[in-house]
Amino acid sequence: MTSGKKWVLLTSLLLPLACLAAPTPEPADAKALVASLKRPAPARTPFAEARFMKVLDKPLVVSGELAWLGGDKLERRVDKPAKEVSTIADGEVTQEREGRKPRTFSLKRAPQLRILLDSFVALLGGDASRLDDAFDVQLGRDADRWALTLAPRDPSLAKQIVSIQVYGSGNQPRCMRMNEKDGDTTIDMLGDLAGHMVAEPELADVIAQCGGAM
């Protein structure tokens, strides 16, 4: 499994689901929304992730906590079904799994992680310019609800990931979805919604939960 697959999460800090409204081209509106998402570091949120893969009969489900520690430092702690901590800091990725030796490799070996890092940091840092450098950004709105669709600009990343979507309400992102080129889909439920993830979720049910919460 590639490092991009393992860190499909980083996307994890980013996404559900069905279109709320037709994307609108006003860049100023998207920039204002991204600015409103800014959080002081450290910013932490519970998450529950379901990864739907064509090669598996059941989705892979994990849960734990996502954290932006400031700057380009990210942490993803998985508590269930097994303990694991993945971090990006100082240009390196470190994975620590229960009962195994830590594994560290340079972020330069995985340029796709660099772009996902940019997106996560840009959202929590309220940095619309950085987000725009990495993605073509489109915004859809329906009253207080919104949907950001991010299409990777980097050709190598675009070969793996079709789009990342962030859905939320007000200044709170609630769900994240990553659509991969091979048809696999990963959805992260964030904050209070994380507790709504069941052991063996159906894709349609997760989509409905995320959309219904907004």
C-alpha atoms as a PDB file:
ATOM      1  CA  MET A   1       0.000   0.000   0.000  1.00  0.00           C
ATOM      2  CA  THR A   2       1.383   3.399  -0.945  1.00  0.00           C
ATOM      3  CA  SER A   3       2.053   6.136   1.580  1.00  0.00           C
ATOM      4  CA  GLY A   4      -0.736   8.113  -0.116  1.00  0.00           C
ATOM      5  CA  LYS A   5      -3.162   5.286   0.669  1.00  0.00           C
ATOM      6  CA  LYS A   6      -2.027   5.153   4.292  1.00  0.00           C
ATOM      7  CA  TRP A   7      -2.493   8.862   4.690  1.00  0.00           C
ATOM      8  CA  VAL A   8      -5.740   9.111   2.820  1.00  0.00           C
ATOM      9  CA  LEU A   9      -6.827  10.558   6.148  1.00  0.00           C
ATOM     10  CA  LEU A  10      -5.313  13.955   5.544  1.00  0.00           C
ATOM     11  CA  THR A  11      -7.507  14.375   3.822  1.00  0.00           C
ATOM     12  CA  SER A  12      -8.078  13.432   6.579  1.00  0.00           C
ATOM     13  CA  LEU A  13      -8.421  17.581   7.655  1.00  0.00           C
ATOM     14  CA  LEU A  14     -10.750  17.762   5.055  1.00  0.00           C
ATOM     15  CA  LEU A  15     -14.849  15.764   3.801  1.00  0.00           C
ATOM     16  CA  PRO A  16     -19.437  14.104   2.082  1.00  0.00           C
ATOM     17  CA  LEU A  17     -21.340  13.872  -0.059  1.00  0.00           C
ATOM     18  CA  ALA A  18     -24.093  15.179  -2.321  1.00  0.00           C
ATOM     19  CA  CYS A  19     -24.043  18.580  -3.946  1.00  0.00           C
ATOM     20  CA  LEU A  20     -25.673  21.244  -1.810  1.00  0.00           C
ATOM     21  CA  ALA A  21     -25.789  23.780  -4.597  1.00  0.00           C
ATOM     22  CA  ALA A  22     -24.169  24.440  -7.939  1.00  0.00           C
ATOM     23  CA  PRO A  23     -20.571  25.616  -7.431  1.00  0.00           C
ATOM     24  CA  THR A  24     -20.307  29.363  -7.620  1.00  0.00           C
ATOM     25  CA  PRO A  25     -17.267  31.017  -9.206  1.00  0.00           C
ATOM     26  CA  GLU A  26     -16.945  33.976  -6.824  1.00  0.00           C
ATOM     27  CA  PRO A  27     -13.377  33.561  -5.488  1.00  0.00           C
ATOM     28  CA  ALA A  28     -13.869  36.248  -2.834  1.00  0.00           C
ATOM     29  CA  ASP A  29     -16.711  34.239  -1.283  1.00  0.00           C
ATOM     30  CA  ALA A  30     -14.559  31.101  -1.075  1.00  0.00           C
ATOM     31  CA  LYS A  31     -11.692  33.080   0.444  1.00  0.00           C
ATOM     32  CA  ALA A  32     -14.001  34.554   3.071  1.00  0.00           C
ATOM     33  CA  LEU A  33     -15.261  31.085   4.004  1.00  0.00           C
ATOM     34  CA  VAL A  34     -11.742  29.657   4.309  1.00  0.00           C
ATOM     35  CA  ALA A  35     -10.745  32.630   6.478  1.00  0.00           C
ATOM     36  CA  SER A  36     -13.684  31.898   8.789  1.00  0.00           C
ATOM     37  CA  LEU A  37     -12.420  28.332   9.357  1.00  0.00           C
ATOM     38  CA  LYS A  38      -9.202  29.546  10.988  1.00  0.00           C
ATOM     39  CA  ARG A  39      -8.443  27.945  14.348  1.00  0.00           C
ATOM     40  CA  PRO A  40      -5.691  28.688  16.859  1.00  0.00           C
ATOM     41  CA  ALA A  41      -3.152  25.886  17.197  1.00  0.00           C
ATOM     42  CA  PRO A  42      -3.263  23.330  18.610  1.00  0.00           C
ATOM     43  CA  ALA A  43      -6.611  22.474  17.036  1.00  0.00           C
ATOM     44  CA  ARG A  44      -7.994  19.020  17.814  1.00  0.00           C
ATOM     45  CA  THR A  45     -11.148  17.209  16.751  1.00  0.00           C
ATOM     46  CA  PRO A  46     -12.532  13.684  17.126  1.00  0.00           C
ATOM     47  CA  PHE A  47     -12.908  11.790  13.853  1.00  0.00           C
ATOM     48  CA  ALA A  48     -14.372   8.542  12.577  1.00  0.00           C
ATOM     49  CA  GLU A  49     -13.265   7.375   9.158  1.00  0.00           C
ATOM     50  CA  ALA A  50     -14.839   4.844   6.805  1.00  0.00           C
ATOM     51  CA  ARG A  51     -12.822   3.731   3.791  1.00  0.00           C
ATOM     52  CA  PHE A  52     -14.870   2.032   1.081  1.00  0.00           C
ATOM     53  CA  MET A  53     -12.636  -0.056  -1.193  1.00  0.00           C
ATOM     54  CA  LYS A  54     -13.715  -2.091  -4.205  1.00  0.00           C
ATOM     55  CA  VAL A  55     -11.452  -4.981  -3.196  1.00  0.00           C
ATOM     56  CA  LEU A  56     -13.135  -5.377   0.217  1.00  0.00           C
ATOM     57  CA  ASP A  57     -16.641  -6.532   1.098  1.00  0.00           C
ATOM     58  CA  LYS A  58     -16.785  -4.289   4.174  1.00  0.00           C
ATOM     59  CA  PRO A  59     -15.412  -0.795   4.741  1.00  0.00           C
ATOM     60  CA  LEU A  60     -12.388  -0.187   6.932  1.00  0.00           C
ATOM     61  CA  VAL A  61     -13.436   1.891   9.941  1.00  0.00           C
ATOM     62  CA  VAL A  62     -11.112   3.670  12.376  1.00  0.00           C
ATOM     63  CA  SER A  63     -11.653   6.412  14.932  1.00  0.00           C
ATOM     64  CA  GLY A  64      -9.556   8.698  17.082  1.00  0.00           C
ATOM     65  CA  GLU A  65      -8.395  12.307  17.013  1.00  0.00           C
ATOM     66  CA  LEU A  66      -6.986  14.640  14.365  1.00  0.00           C
ATOM     67  CA  ALA A  67      -4.734  17.503  15.438  1.00  0.00           C
ATOM     68  CA  TRP A  68      -3.051  20.476  13.813  1.00  0.00           C
ATOM     69  CA  LEU A  69      -0.188  21.392  16.120  1.00  0.00           C
ATOM     70  CA  GLY A  70       0.739  24.633  14.377  1.00  0.00           C
ATOM     71  CA  GLY A  71       2.901  25.331  11.342  1.00  0.00           C
ATOM     72  CA  ASP A  72       3.303  22.227   9.197  1.00  0.00           C
ATOM     73  CA  LYS A  73       2.830  19.798  12.085  1.00  0.00           C
ATOM     74  CA  LEU A  74      -0.059  17.348  11.917  1.00  0.00           C
ATOM     75  CA  GLU A  75      -1.010  14.373  14.062  1.00  0.00           C
ATOM     76  CA  ARG A  76      -3.559  11.617  13.527  1.00  0.00           C
ATOM     77  CA  ARG A  77      -4.172   9.367  16.524  1.00  0.00           C
ATOM     78  CA  VAL A  78      -6.181   6.200  15.965  1.00  0.00           C
ATOM     79  CA  ASP A  79      -7.673   4.626  19.098  1.00  0.00           C
ATOM     80  CA  LYS A  80      -9.872   1.953  17.502  1.00  0.00           C
ATOM     81  CA  PRO A  81      -9.605  -0.770  16.334  1.00  0.00           C
ATOM     82  CA  ALA A  82      -5.864  -0.605  17.160  1.00  0.00           C
ATOM     83  CA  LYS A  83      -3.709   2.187  18.484  1.00  0.00           C
ATOM     84  CA  GLU A  84      -1.618   4.076  15.936  1.00  0.00           C
ATOM     85  CA  VAL A  85      -0.165   7.577  15.748  1.00  0.00           C
ATOM     86  CA  SER A  86       0.929   9.216  12.478  1.00  0.00           C
ATOM     87  CA  THR A  87       2.632  12.600  12.438  1.00  0.00           C
ATOM     88  CA  ILE A  88       4.098  15.027   9.928  1.00  0.00           C
ATOM     89  CA  ALA A  89       6.719  17.355  11.349  1.00  0.00           C
ATOM     90  CA  ASP A  90       9.934  18.949  10.125  1.00  0.00           C
ATOM     91  CA  GLY A  91       9.554  17.439   6.664  1.00  0.00           C
ATOM     92  CA  GLU A  92       9.217  13.857   7.930  1.00  0.00           C
ATOM     93  CA  VAL A  93       6.378  11.376   8.336  1.00  0.00           C
ATOM     94  CA  THR A  94       6.467   9.119  11.402  1.00  0.00           C
ATOM     95  CA  GLN A  95       4.134   6.172  11.978  1.00  0.00           C
ATOM     96  CA  GLU A  96       3.946   4.495  15.370  1.00  0.00           C
ATOM     97  CA  ARG A  97       1.892   1.335  15.773  1.00  0.00           C
ATOM     98  CA  GLU A  98       1.291  -0.649  18.909  1.00  0.00           C
ATOM     99  CA  GLY A  99       3.772  -3.500  19.175  1.00  0.00           C
ATOM    100  CA  ARG A 100       5.964  -2.274  16.296  1.00  0.00           C
ATOM    101  CA  LYS A 101       9.006  -0.083  15.913  1.00  0.00           C
ATOM    102  CA  PRO A 102       8.307   3.482  14.709  1.00  0.00           C
ATOM    103  CA  ARG A 103       8.716   4.026  10.972  1.00  0.00           C
ATOM    104  CA  THR A 104       9.997   7.362   9.656  1.00  0.00           C
ATOM    105  CA  PHE A 105      10.462   8.548   6.082  1.00  0.00           C
ATOM    106  CA  SER A 106      11.050  11.853   4.348  1.00  0.00           C
ATOM    107  CA  LEU A 107       8.054  13.813   3.124  1.00  0.00           C
ATOM    108  CA  LYS A 108      10.057  14.348  -0.088  1.00  0.00           C
ATOM    109  CA  ARG A 109       9.408  10.691  -0.933  1.00  0.00           C
ATOM    110  CA  ALA A 110       5.660  11.385  -1.036  1.00  0.00           C
ATOM    111  CA  PRO A 111       4.909  14.652  -2.827  1.00  0.00           C
ATOM    112  CA  GLN A 112       1.175  13.888  -2.651  1.00  0.00           C
ATOM    113  CA  LEU A 113       1.381  14.129   1.147  1.00  0.00           C
ATOM    114  CA  ARG A 114       2.965  17.549   0.769  1.00  0.00           C
ATOM    115  CA  ILE A 115      -0.129  18.751  -1.083  1.00  0.00           C
ATOM    116  CA  LEU A 116      -2.520  17.149   1.386  1.00  0.00           C
ATOM    117  CA  LEU A 117      -0.536  18.785   4.166  1.00  0.00           C
ATOM    118  CA  ASP A 118      -0.937  22.132   2.426  1.00  0.00           C
ATOM    119  CA  SER A 119      -4.695  21.689   2.208  1.00  0.00           C
ATOM    120  CA  PHE A 120      -5.108  20.735   5.861  1.00  0.00           C
ATOM    121  CA  VAL A 121      -2.902  23.509   7.169  1.00  0.00           C
ATOM    122  CA  ALA A 122      -4.511  26.030   4.798  1.00  0.00           C
ATOM    123  CA  LEU A 123      -8.014  25.233   6.050  1.00  0.00           C
ATOM    124  CA  LEU A 124      -7.241  25.315   9.763  1.00  0.00           C
ATOM    125  CA  GLY A 125      -4.935  28.284   9.289  1.00  0.00           C
ATOM    126  CA  GLY A 126      -7.552  30.138   7.256  1.00  0.00           C
ATOM    127  CA  ASP A 127      -5.016  30.531   4.434  1.00  0.00           C
ATOM    128  CA  ALA A 128      -7.003  30.713   1.182  1.00  0.00           C
ATOM    129  CA  SER A 129      -3.926  31.549  -0.897  1.00  0.00           C
ATOM    130  CA  ARG A 130      -2.120  28.390   0.164  1.00  0.00           C
ATOM    131  CA  LEU A 131      -5.218  26.315  -0.521  1.00  0.00           C
ATOM    132  CA  ASP A 132      -5.534  27.839  -3.994  1.00  0.00           C
ATOM    133  CA  ASP A 133      -1.893  27.020  -4.734  1.00  0.00           C
ATOM    134  CA  ALA A 134      -2.591  23.310  -4.249  1.00  0.00           C
ATOM    135  CA  PHE A 135      -6.172  22.989  -5.526  1.00  0.00           C
ATOM    136  CA  ASP A 136      -8.721  24.353  -7.915  1.00  0.00           C
ATOM    137  CA  VAL A 137     -11.325  25.480  -5.372  1.00  0.00           C
ATOM    138  CA  GLN A 138     -15.081  25.673  -5.952  1.00  0.00           C
ATOM    139  CA  LEU A 139     -17.725  26.662  -3.425  1.00  0.00           C
ATOM    140  CA  GLY A 140     -21.392  25.685  -3.299  1.00  0.00           C
ATOM    141  CA  ARG A 141     -23.843  27.240  -0.818  1.00  0.00           C
ATOM    142  CA  ASP A 142     -27.352  26.579   0.414  1.00  0.00           C
ATOM    143  CA  ALA A 143     -28.289  29.099   3.127  1.00  0.00           C
ATOM    144  CA  ASP A 144     -25.880  28.423   6.019  1.00  0.00           C
ATOM    145  CA  ARG A 145     -24.628  25.165   4.540  1.00  0.00           C
ATOM    146  CA  TRP A 146     -21.632  25.011   2.222  1.00  0.00           C
ATOM    147  CA  ALA A 147     -19.505  22.596   0.228  1.00  0.00           C
ATOM    148  CA  LEU A 148     -15.909  23.124  -0.858  1.00  0.00           C
ATOM    149  CA  THR A 149     -14.733  20.968  -3.749  1.00  0.00           C
ATOM    150  CA  LEU A 150     -10.955  20.747  -4.135  1.00  0.00           C
ATOM    151  CA  ALA A 151      -9.412  19.379  -7.335  1.00  0.00           C
ATOM    152  CA  PRO A 152      -5.640  18.745  -7.070  1.00  0.00           C
ATOM    153  CA  ARG A 153      -3.499  20.926  -9.325  1.00  0.00           C
ATOM    154  CA  ASP A 154      -0.488  18.623  -9.100  1.00  0.00           C
ATOM    155  CA  PRO A 155      -0.642  16.094 -11.990  1.00  0.00           C
ATOM    156  CA  SER A 156       0.883  13.275  -9.937  1.00  0.00           C
ATOM    157  CA  LEU A 157      -1.703  13.694  -7.175  1.00  0.00           C
ATOM    158  CA  ALA A 158      -4.520  14.000  -9.700  1.00  0.00           C
ATOM    159  CA  LYS A 159      -3.609  10.529 -10.960  1.00  0.00           C
ATOM    160  CA  GLN A 160      -4.631   9.161  -7.539  1.00  0.00           C
ATOM    161  CA  ILE A 161      -7.254  11.580  -6.232  1.00  0.00           C
ATOM    162  CA  VAL A 162     -10.111  13.020  -8.287  1.00  0.00           C
ATOM    163  CA  SER A 163     -11.350  15.441  -5.657  1.00  0.00           C
ATOM    164  CA  ILE A 164     -11.587  16.255  -1.980  1.00  0.00           C
ATOM    165  CA  GLN A 165     -14.809  17.700  -0.607  1.00  0.00           C
ATOM    166  CA  VAL A 166     -15.301  19.561   2.644  1.00  0.00           C
ATOM    167  CA  TYR A 167     -18.869  20.051   3.847  1.00  0.00           C
ATOM    168  CA  GLY A 168     -19.969  22.160   6.761  1.00  0.00           C
ATOM    169  CA  SER A 169     -22.266  24.737   8.263  1.00  0.00           C
ATOM    170  CA  GLY A 170     -21.349  28.224   9.420  1.00  0.00           C
ATOM    171  CA  ASN A 171     -17.655  28.085  10.286  1.00  0.00           C
ATOM    172  CA  GLN A 172     -17.654  24.395  11.219  1.00  0.00           C
ATOM    173  CA  PRO A 173     -16.460  21.667   8.811  1.00  0.00           C
ATOM    174  CA  ARG A 174     -18.544  18.587   9.605  1.00  0.00           C
ATOM    175  CA  CYS A 175     -17.528  15.933   7.078  1.00  0.00           C
ATOM    176  CA  MET A 176     -14.736  15.209   4.628  1.00  0.00           C
ATOM    177  CA  ARG A 177     -14.738  13.013   1.550  1.00  0.00           C
ATOM    178  CA  MET A 178     -11.909  11.871  -0.722  1.00  0.00           C
ATOM    179  CA  ASN A 179     -12.741  10.406  -4.122  1.00  0.00           C
ATOM    180  CA  GLU A 180      -9.912   8.353  -5.572  1.00  0.00           C
ATOM    181  CA  LYS A 181      -9.191   7.621  -9.213  1.00  0.00           C
ATOM    182  CA  ASP A 182      -9.690   3.880  -8.721  1.00  0.00           C
ATOM    183  CA  GLY A 183     -13.217   4.383  -7.375  1.00  0.00           C
ATOM    184  CA  ASP A 184     -12.398   4.022  -3.693  1.00  0.00           C
ATOM    185  CA  THR A 185     -13.989   6.565  -1.337  1.00  0.00           C
ATOM    186  CA  THR A 186     -13.019   7.694   2.145  1.00  0.00           C
ATOM    187  CA  ILE A 187     -15.331   9.701   4.390  1.00  0.00           C
ATOM    188  CA  ASP A 188     -14.360  11.306   7.696  1.00  0.00           C
ATOM    189  CA  MET A 189     -17.044  12.399  10.140  1.00  0.00           C
ATOM    190  CA  LEU A 190     -15.688  15.152  12.374  1.00  0.00           C
ATOM    191  CA  GLY A 191     -16.443  16.551  15.803  1.00  0.00           C
ATOM    192  CA  ASP A 192     -19.796  15.526  17.265  1.00  0.00           C
ATOM    193  CA  LEU A 193     -20.640  13.507  14.150  1.00  0.00           C
ATOM    194  CA  ALA A 194     -17.744  11.126  14.801  1.00  0.00           C
ATOM    195  CA  GLY A 195     -19.826   9.331  17.407  1.00  0.00           C
ATOM    196  CA  HIS A 196     -22.488   8.524  14.805  1.00  0.00           C
ATOM    197  CA  MET A 197     -20.265   6.154  12.822  1.00  0.00           C
ATOM    198  CA  VAL A 198     -21.368   2.535  13.170  1.00  0.00           C
ATOM    199  CA  ALA A 199     -19.152  -0.554  13.006  1.00  0.00           C
ATOM    200  CA  GLU A 200     -20.165  -1.588   9.466  1.00  0.00           C
ATOM    201  CA  PRO A 201     -21.575   1.520   7.777  1.00  0.00           C
ATOM    202  CA  GLU A 202     -23.202   1.691   4.364  1.00  0.00           C
ATOM    203  CA  LEU A 203     -21.876   4.414   2.066  1.00  0.00           C
ATOM    204  CA  ALA A 204     -25.356   5.827   1.445  1.00  0.00           C
ATOM    205  CA  ASP A 205     -26.055   5.990   5.181  1.00  0.00           C
ATOM    206  CA  VAL A 206     -22.838   7.867   5.935  1.00  0.00           C
ATOM    207  CA  ILE A 207     -23.600  10.330   3.145  1.00  0.00           C
ATOM    208  CA  ALA A 208     -27.103  10.848   4.507  1.00  0.00           C
ATOM    209  CA  GLN A 209     -25.824  11.413   8.040  1.00  0.00           C
ATOM    210  CA  CYS A 210     -23.302  14.003   6.961  1.00  0.00           C
ATOM    211  CA  GLY A 211     -25.689  15.776   4.625  1.00  0.00           C
ATOM    212  CA  GLY A 212     -28.550  15.643   7.105  1.00  0.00           C
ATOM    213  CA  ALA A 213     -26.409  17.186   9.832  1.00  0.00           C
ATOM    214  CA  MET A 214     -25.917  20.297   7.751  1.00  0.00           C
END
